[in-house]
Amino acid sequence: MVGFYEGANNYKTEFWRSEDYSCMRNNIPYYNAPSRALIVKRIKTLAGESFSMEWFLSTDIVESYVPTKTSMKLMSLPQSAPPIVW
C-alpha cells in the first residue's frame, strides 16, 4: 500500500519510503509501486513505446504484499558484505 513510511536509506527517522515492504528494504520478492513504474518506463522507452502514469496505474495489478513465515525468514537474513571493486 503506497503511503509514507518513516525509515529508509539505513536511517530510522528523517528518511521516508513509499511502501512498508520492498525487496530493497526487506529482501523479499516484491517491488514497490514507484520501482515497478520506473522499471516499466525503462522497458517501454527501450522498446520505443510511450509511457504514461495513467496507463501504468490502470494496468498495474499487484496485490499488497503481506509477509508470510517464509518471507519473514528472508527478512531476518544478515546483510551481506559490501561488493569488492577491483
Protein backbone atom coordinates (compact mmCIF):
# COMPACT_ATOMS: atom_id res chain seq x y z
CA MET A 1 0.00 0.00 0.00
CA VAL A 2 1.57 3.27 -1.12
CA GLY A 3 1.92 5.87 1.60
CA PHE A 4 4.57 7.47 3.78
CA TYR A 5 6.68 5.20 5.98
CA GLU A 6 9.49 6.59 8.07
CA GLY A 7 12.84 4.84 7.99
CA ALA A 8 14.85 4.48 4.80
CA ASN A 9 18.41 4.66 3.50
CA ASN A 10 19.65 2.92 6.70
CA TYR A 11 18.07 5.63 8.90
CA LYS A 12 15.25 5.03 11.38
CA THR A 13 14.00 8.63 11.18
CA GLU A 14 14.05 11.62 8.83
CA PHE A 15 14.08 9.47 5.66
CA TRP A 16 10.90 8.17 4.11
CA ARG A 17 9.91 5.31 1.81
CA SER A 18 6.79 4.76 -0.27
CA GLU A 19 5.70 1.32 0.97
CA ASP A 20 6.21 -0.66 4.15
CA TYR A 21 7.63 -3.68 2.31
CA SER A 22 10.01 -3.82 -0.66
CA CYS A 23 12.80 -6.01 -1.99
CA MET A 24 15.24 -3.17 -1.34
CA ARG A 25 14.33 -2.99 2.34
CA ASN A 26 13.19 -6.44 3.44
CA ASN A 27 14.95 -8.78 0.98
CA ILE A 28 11.63 -10.12 -0.33
CA PRO A 29 10.40 -10.86 -3.88
CA TYR A 30 8.30 -7.67 -4.15
CA TYR A 31 8.97 -4.34 -5.88
CA ASN A 32 7.17 -1.29 -4.54
CA ALA A 33 4.93 0.71 -6.88
CA PRO A 34 7.42 3.51 -7.71
CA SER A 35 10.07 0.89 -8.55
CA ARG A 36 7.63 -1.03 -10.76
CA ALA A 37 6.70 2.19 -12.57
CA LEU A 38 10.35 3.04 -13.28
CA ILE A 39 11.10 -0.49 -14.49
CA VAL A 40 8.13 -0.45 -16.88
CA LYS A 41 9.02 3.07 -18.06
CA ARG A 42 12.58 1.99 -18.85
CA ILE A 43 11.43 -1.11 -20.74
CA LYS A 44 8.88 0.87 -22.78
CA THR A 45 11.48 3.55 -23.57
CA LEU A 46 13.96 0.93 -24.80
CA ALA A 47 11.17 -0.60 -26.90
CA GLY A 48 10.40 2.81 -28.44
CA GLU A 49 6.96 2.98 -26.83
CA SER A 50 5.46 5.84 -24.86
CA PHE A 51 4.80 5.68 -21.14
CA SER A 52 2.17 7.49 -19.11
CA MET A 53 1.46 7.22 -15.42
CA GLU A 54 -2.26 6.96 -16.17
CA TRP A 55 -1.63 3.89 -18.35
CA PHE A 56 0.65 2.36 -15.71
CA LEU A 57 -1.87 2.84 -12.90
CA SER A 58 -4.63 1.27 -14.98
CA THR A 59 -2.56 -1.81 -15.85
CA ASP A 60 -0.51 -2.31 -12.66
CA ILE A 61 -2.43 -5.03 -10.86
CA VAL A 62 -0.45 -6.19 -7.85
CA GLU A 63 -1.95 -7.14 -4.53
CA SER A 64 -0.40 -5.55 -1.47
CA TYR A 65 2.42 -7.62 -0.03
CA VAL A 66 1.63 -9.46 3.20
CA PRO A 67 4.58 -11.16 4.89
CA THR A 68 4.47 -14.93 5.37
CA LYS A 69 6.53 -17.17 7.64
CA THR A 70 8.85 -17.92 4.69
CA SER A 71 9.36 -14.27 3.79
CA MET A 72 9.92 -13.38 7.45
CA LYS A 73 12.86 -15.82 7.40
CA LEU A 74 14.24 -13.94 4.37
CA MET A 75 13.83 -10.63 6.19
CA SER A 76 15.97 -11.87 9.07
CA LEU A 77 19.00 -12.68 6.91
CA PRO A 78 22.11 -10.71 7.85
CA GLN A 79 23.34 -8.04 5.48
CA SER A 80 25.93 -9.25 3.03
CA ALA A 81 29.39 -7.74 2.81
CA PRO A 82 29.88 -4.76 0.51
CA PRO A 83 30.99 -5.59 -3.04
CA ILE A 84 34.68 -5.83 -3.78
CA VAL A 85 35.75 -3.47 -6.56
CA TRP A 86 38.91 -4.45 -8.40
